Amino acid sequence: MFYGEHMHTLDAKGRLTMPAKYRTQLAEGVYVTKGEDRCLQVWSAREWEAKRIEVENRGVATRHDRRMMRGYFGGTQEGELDKQGRILLDAGWREYAGIERDCAVVGCGRFVEVWGAPLWEEERRLSEAAIADRDDAALPAVRPE
């Protein structure tokens, strides 16, 4: 599982150093794809296999399903960490996620999100507001013992 927020800077070649605590989970390979909300998603080989099955099981019956499949599989690149624990983020991905140089690497449980720093600041603010303002009425009632 991936947890935590880490601020990083891309090198001149567009490589991102993954946090040391993530590297063991990513050692068998990484899959990078465009994620929701204009971020990139980095998946371990094991978790990508589960995600692949999930996407394929949606089928192709609707236009939306076909577009989801194209988006996930067409926008995905398989790679590996280099000896310094870096992955290459191609220019198209960086443009999509608003990554110029500084970025946030955010653990999201099964996968890692990579955000351009300006977009991450806004998303972090919105995410923290969602936690602070959650609708307690949607939570199950707790009965006193």
Protein backbone atom coordinates (compact mmCIF):
# COMPACT_ATOMS: atom_id res chain seq x y z
CA MET A 1 0.00 0.00 0.00
CA PHE A 2 1.18 3.51 -0.80
CA TYR A 3 0.75 6.33 1.72
CA GLY A 4 2.05 9.85 2.25
CA GLU A 5 2.78 13.02 0.30
CA HIS A 6 6.22 13.85 -1.05
CA MET A 7 7.35 16.91 -2.97
CA HIS A 8 9.90 16.18 -5.71
CA THR A 9 11.57 17.90 -8.65
CA LEU A 10 12.01 16.34 -12.09
CA ASP A 11 15.50 16.26 -13.49
CA ALA A 12 16.38 17.85 -16.85
CA LYS A 13 15.43 14.63 -18.71
CA GLY A 14 11.94 14.43 -17.18
CA ARG A 15 12.80 11.70 -14.68
CA LEU A 16 11.06 11.52 -11.32
CA THR A 17 12.75 9.97 -8.31
CA MET A 18 10.21 7.85 -6.48
CA PRO A 19 10.22 8.01 -2.68
CA ALA A 20 12.50 5.37 -1.18
CA LYS A 21 9.65 3.78 0.75
CA TYR A 22 7.77 3.07 -2.52
CA ARG A 23 10.62 1.48 -4.42
CA THR A 24 10.33 -2.06 -3.08
CA GLN A 25 6.70 -2.25 -4.19
CA LEU A 26 7.63 -0.89 -7.64
CA ALA A 27 10.73 -3.05 -8.13
CA GLU A 28 8.96 -5.60 -10.37
CA GLY A 29 7.84 -2.92 -12.82
CA VAL A 30 5.67 0.16 -13.06
CA TYR A 31 2.73 1.18 -15.19
CA VAL A 32 2.14 4.89 -15.66
CA THR A 33 -1.13 6.21 -17.02
CA LYS A 34 -3.14 9.40 -17.15
CA GLY A 35 -5.39 9.45 -14.12
CA GLU A 36 -8.56 11.19 -13.19
CA ASP A 37 -8.48 14.88 -12.21
CA ARG A 38 -5.39 15.67 -14.36
CA CYS A 39 -2.83 13.67 -12.44
CA LEU A 40 -0.71 10.68 -13.42
CA GLN A 41 -1.13 7.29 -11.80
CA VAL A 42 1.79 4.97 -11.11
CA TRP A 43 0.87 1.34 -10.50
CA SER A 44 3.01 -1.59 -9.38
CA ALA A 45 2.98 -4.55 -11.76
CA ARG A 46 0.82 -6.57 -9.34
CA GLU A 47 -1.76 -3.82 -8.79
CA TRP A 48 -1.85 -2.97 -12.49
CA GLU A 49 -2.86 -6.55 -13.24
CA ALA A 50 -5.83 -6.16 -10.88
CA LYS A 51 -6.72 -2.80 -12.46
CA ARG A 52 -6.42 -4.28 -15.95
CA ILE A 53 -8.91 -7.01 -15.06
CA GLU A 54 -11.25 -4.44 -13.49
CA VAL A 55 -11.23 -2.31 -16.65
CA GLU A 56 -11.63 -5.30 -18.96
CA ASN A 57 -14.56 -6.62 -16.92
CA ARG A 58 -16.45 -3.40 -17.61
CA GLY A 59 -16.80 -4.66 -21.16
CA VAL A 60 -17.18 -2.64 -24.33
CA ALA A 61 -20.96 -2.49 -24.64
CA THR A 62 -21.22 1.28 -24.28
CA ARG A 63 -19.30 4.14 -25.82
CA HIS A 64 -18.27 5.24 -22.30
CA ASP A 65 -16.84 1.77 -21.53
CA ARG A 66 -14.89 1.73 -24.78
CA ARG A 67 -13.52 5.20 -24.10
CA MET A 68 -12.50 4.18 -20.57
CA MET A 69 -10.68 1.15 -21.95
CA ARG A 70 -8.92 3.25 -24.61
CA GLY A 71 -7.98 5.86 -22.04
CA TYR A 72 -6.51 3.38 -19.60
CA PHE A 73 -4.74 1.07 -22.01
CA GLY A 74 -3.86 3.52 -24.78
CA GLY A 75 -2.45 6.02 -22.30
CA THR A 76 -0.41 3.51 -20.31
CA GLN A 77 3.28 2.86 -20.54
CA GLU A 78 5.12 0.00 -18.90
CA GLY A 79 8.51 0.74 -17.41
CA GLU A 80 10.82 0.13 -14.51
CA LEU A 81 12.71 2.07 -11.94
CA ASP A 82 16.31 2.80 -12.87
CA LYS A 83 19.14 2.18 -10.39
CA GLN A 84 18.47 5.54 -8.72
CA GLY A 85 14.76 4.76 -8.28
CA ARG A 86 13.59 7.07 -11.08
CA ILE A 87 10.89 6.76 -13.72
CA LEU A 88 10.70 8.73 -16.94
CA LEU A 89 7.60 10.88 -17.40
CA ASP A 90 7.19 11.65 -21.08
CA ALA A 91 6.35 15.17 -22.23
CA GLY A 92 2.71 14.38 -23.06
CA TRP A 93 2.08 13.07 -19.55
CA ARG A 94 3.79 16.07 -17.99
CA GLU A 95 1.66 18.43 -20.04
CA TYR A 96 -1.54 16.56 -19.10
CA ALA A 97 -0.74 16.76 -15.38
CA GLY A 98 0.63 20.31 -15.41
CA ILE A 99 4.06 19.13 -14.32
CA GLU A 100 6.77 21.58 -15.26
CA ARG A 101 9.45 20.80 -12.70
CA ASP A 102 8.04 20.54 -9.19
CA CYS A 103 5.50 17.84 -8.42
CA ALA A 104 3.76 16.02 -5.62
CA VAL A 105 3.98 12.25 -5.29
CA VAL A 106 0.95 11.10 -3.32
CA GLY A 107 0.28 7.58 -2.05
CA CYS A 108 -3.33 6.54 -2.71
CA GLY A 109 -3.39 3.01 -1.33
CA ARG A 110 -3.20 0.75 -4.38
CA PHE A 111 -1.38 3.28 -6.56
CA VAL A 112 0.59 6.54 -6.53
CA GLU A 113 -0.58 9.82 -8.00
CA VAL A 114 1.84 12.38 -9.46
CA TRP A 115 0.59 15.98 -9.63
CA GLY A 116 2.02 19.21 -10.96
CA ALA A 117 2.71 21.34 -7.88
CA PRO A 118 0.14 24.09 -8.66
CA LEU A 119 -2.64 21.58 -9.38
CA TRP A 120 -1.73 19.61 -6.26
CA GLU A 121 -2.03 22.66 -4.01
CA GLU A 122 -5.62 23.16 -5.18
CA GLU A 123 -6.46 19.45 -4.97
CA ARG A 124 -4.95 19.18 -1.50
CA ARG A 125 -7.08 22.10 -0.36
CA LEU A 126 -10.23 20.52 -1.81
CA SER A 127 -9.38 17.10 -0.37
CA GLU A 128 -8.79 18.53 3.10
CA ALA A 129 -12.07 20.44 2.87
CA ALA A 130 -13.88 17.25 1.91
CA ILE A 131 -12.50 15.50 4.99
CA ALA A 132 -13.37 18.42 7.26
CA ASP A 133 -16.88 18.83 5.83
CA ARG A 134 -17.87 15.22 5.38
CA ASP A 135 -21.53 14.49 5.73
CA ASP A 136 -21.84 12.71 9.07
CA ALA A 137 -25.45 11.83 8.20
CA ALA A 138 -24.07 9.45 5.57
CA LEU A 139 -22.14 7.52 8.23
CA PRO A 140 -23.77 4.55 9.95
CA ALA A 141 -25.33 5.36 13.30
CA VAL A 142 -23.39 4.20 16.33
CA ARG A 143 -25.52 2.66 19.02
CA PRO A 144 -24.42 3.11 22.63
CA GLU A 145 -23.64 -0.13 24.40
